[in-house]
Amino acid sequence: MGGGERLLDACTFKVDKIIVKEGIAADEILQQAELNDADAIIMGIRGFGMFKEALIGGTARRVVRRSAIPVKVIRLPE
């Protein structure tokens, strides 16, 4: 079982649907949020690299800067 499947199994909230898209991640996330009239975007980050404690990932940073709706970024367990 992959990491994503383990996290999905551990969710205590209802998952309406899972969308898999190809493209630039930040653009796709923002587009789906708009298409689905989302109230907020929740993102998980892993924090790879030597500056992982100080910086969030590039995709999360782009989404936070460009989103018109609230974005919550959560550090996932390693």
C-alpha atoms as a PDB file:
ATOM      1  CA  MET A   1       0.000   0.000   0.000  1.00  0.00           C
ATOM      2  CA  GLY A   2       1.452   3.390  -1.023  1.00  0.00           C
ATOM      3  CA  GLY A   3       1.873   6.388   1.262  1.00  0.00           C
ATOM      4  CA  GLY A   4      -1.105   8.181  -0.263  1.00  0.00           C
ATOM      5  CA  GLU A   5      -3.380   5.188   0.275  1.00  0.00           C
ATOM      6  CA  ARG A   6      -2.296   4.919   3.929  1.00  0.00           C
ATOM      7  CA  LEU A   7      -3.077   8.598   4.487  1.00  0.00           C
ATOM      8  CA  LEU A   8      -6.456   8.230   2.768  1.00  0.00           C
ATOM      9  CA  ASP A   9      -7.314   5.233   4.958  1.00  0.00           C
ATOM     10  CA  ALA A  10      -6.419   7.269   8.057  1.00  0.00           C
ATOM     11  CA  CYS A  11      -8.715  10.175   7.103  1.00  0.00           C
ATOM     12  CA  THR A  12     -11.561  10.823   9.490  1.00  0.00           C
ATOM     13  CA  PHE A  13     -13.434  13.080   7.070  1.00  0.00           C
ATOM     14  CA  LYS A  14     -15.542  12.224   4.046  1.00  0.00           C
ATOM     15  CA  VAL A  15     -13.741  12.228   0.697  1.00  0.00           C
ATOM     16  CA  ASP A  16     -16.099  13.246  -2.110  1.00  0.00           C
ATOM     17  CA  LYS A  17     -13.741  12.450  -4.955  1.00  0.00           C
ATOM     18  CA  ILE A  18     -10.113  12.061  -5.908  1.00  0.00           C
ATOM     19  CA  ILE A  19      -8.904  13.931  -8.982  1.00  0.00           C
ATOM     20  CA  VAL A  20      -5.693  12.983 -10.800  1.00  0.00           C
ATOM     21  CA  LYS A  21      -4.426  15.536 -13.326  1.00  0.00           C
ATOM     22  CA  GLU A  22      -1.272  16.096 -15.352  1.00  0.00           C
ATOM     23  CA  GLY A  23       0.297  19.503 -15.667  1.00  0.00           C
ATOM     24  CA  ILE A  24       1.841  22.167 -13.470  1.00  0.00           C
ATOM     25  CA  ALA A  25       0.710  21.205  -9.975  1.00  0.00           C
ATOM     26  CA  ALA A  26      -0.043  24.700  -8.640  1.00  0.00           C
ATOM     27  CA  ASP A  27      -2.025  25.610 -11.772  1.00  0.00           C
ATOM     28  CA  GLU A  28      -4.059  22.392 -11.617  1.00  0.00           C
ATOM     29  CA  ILE A  29      -4.808  22.795  -7.895  1.00  0.00           C
ATOM     30  CA  LEU A  30      -5.996  26.374  -8.362  1.00  0.00           C
ATOM     31  CA  GLN A  31      -8.047  25.458 -11.433  1.00  0.00           C
ATOM     32  CA  GLN A  32      -9.797  22.580  -9.626  1.00  0.00           C
ATOM     33  CA  ALA A  33     -10.506  24.794  -6.608  1.00  0.00           C
ATOM     34  CA  GLU A  34     -12.188  27.318  -8.903  1.00  0.00           C
ATOM     35  CA  LEU A  35     -14.099  24.712 -10.936  1.00  0.00           C
ATOM     36  CA  ASN A  36     -15.418  23.078  -7.754  1.00  0.00           C
ATOM     37  CA  ASP A  37     -16.231  26.388  -6.033  1.00  0.00           C
ATOM     38  CA  ALA A  38     -13.991  25.394  -3.105  1.00  0.00           C
ATOM     39  CA  ASP A  39     -14.121  27.333   0.169  1.00  0.00           C
ATOM     40  CA  ALA A  40     -10.493  26.504   1.014  1.00  0.00           C
ATOM     41  CA  ILE A  41      -7.474  24.511  -0.169  1.00  0.00           C
ATOM     42  CA  ILE A  42      -5.770  22.091   2.235  1.00  0.00           C
ATOM     43  CA  MET A  43      -2.279  20.931   1.227  1.00  0.00           C
ATOM     44  CA  GLY A  44       0.151  18.472   2.763  1.00  0.00           C
ATOM     45  CA  ILE A  45       3.900  19.003   2.495  1.00  0.00           C
ATOM     46  CA  ARG A  46       6.801  16.716   3.308  1.00  0.00           C
ATOM     47  CA  GLY A  47       9.607  19.296   3.622  1.00  0.00           C
ATOM     48  CA  PHE A  48      12.495  17.779   1.684  1.00  0.00           C
ATOM     49  CA  GLY A  49      15.894  19.454   1.638  1.00  0.00           C
ATOM     50  CA  MET A  50      18.253  21.056   4.110  1.00  0.00           C
ATOM     51  CA  PHE A  51      15.978  24.056   4.682  1.00  0.00           C
ATOM     52  CA  LYS A  52      12.885  21.950   5.299  1.00  0.00           C
ATOM     53  CA  GLU A  53      12.141  23.562   8.659  1.00  0.00           C
ATOM     54  CA  ALA A  54      12.176  27.105   7.253  1.00  0.00           C
ATOM     55  CA  LEU A  55      10.570  26.713   3.842  1.00  0.00           C
ATOM     56  CA  ILE A  56       7.453  25.175   2.399  1.00  0.00           C
ATOM     57  CA  GLY A  57       7.531  23.400  -0.942  1.00  0.00           C
ATOM     58  CA  GLY A  58       7.504  25.260  -4.233  1.00  0.00           C
ATOM     59  CA  THR A  59       4.026  24.062  -5.197  1.00  0.00           C
ATOM     60  CA  ALA A  60       2.517  24.993  -1.826  1.00  0.00           C
ATOM     61  CA  ARG A  61       4.226  28.393  -1.953  1.00  0.00           C
ATOM     62  CA  ARG A  62       2.829  29.113  -5.433  1.00  0.00           C
ATOM     63  CA  VAL A  63      -0.694  28.058  -4.402  1.00  0.00           C
ATOM     64  CA  VAL A  64      -0.593  30.219  -1.246  1.00  0.00           C
ATOM     65  CA  ARG A  65       0.613  33.265  -3.193  1.00  0.00           C
ATOM     66  CA  ARG A  66      -1.878  32.937  -6.056  1.00  0.00           C
ATOM     67  CA  SER A  67      -5.017  31.638  -4.336  1.00  0.00           C
ATOM     68  CA  ALA A  68      -8.053  33.869  -3.867  1.00  0.00           C
ATOM     69  CA  ILE A  69      -9.346  31.521  -1.117  1.00  0.00           C
ATOM     70  CA  PRO A  70      -7.723  30.427   2.174  1.00  0.00           C
ATOM     71  CA  VAL A  71      -4.942  27.817   1.938  1.00  0.00           C
ATOM     72  CA  LYS A  72      -3.903  25.649   4.875  1.00  0.00           C
ATOM     73  CA  VAL A  73      -0.528  23.897   4.601  1.00  0.00           C
ATOM     74  CA  ILE A  74       0.018  20.881   6.859  1.00  0.00           C
ATOM     75  CA  ARG A  75       3.333  19.097   7.392  1.00  0.00           C
ATOM     76  CA  LEU A  76       2.854  15.384   6.739  1.00  0.00           C
ATOM     77  CA  PRO A  77       4.594  12.764   8.881  1.00  0.00           C
ATOM     78  CA  GLU A  78       7.912  11.560   7.505  1.00  0.00           C
END
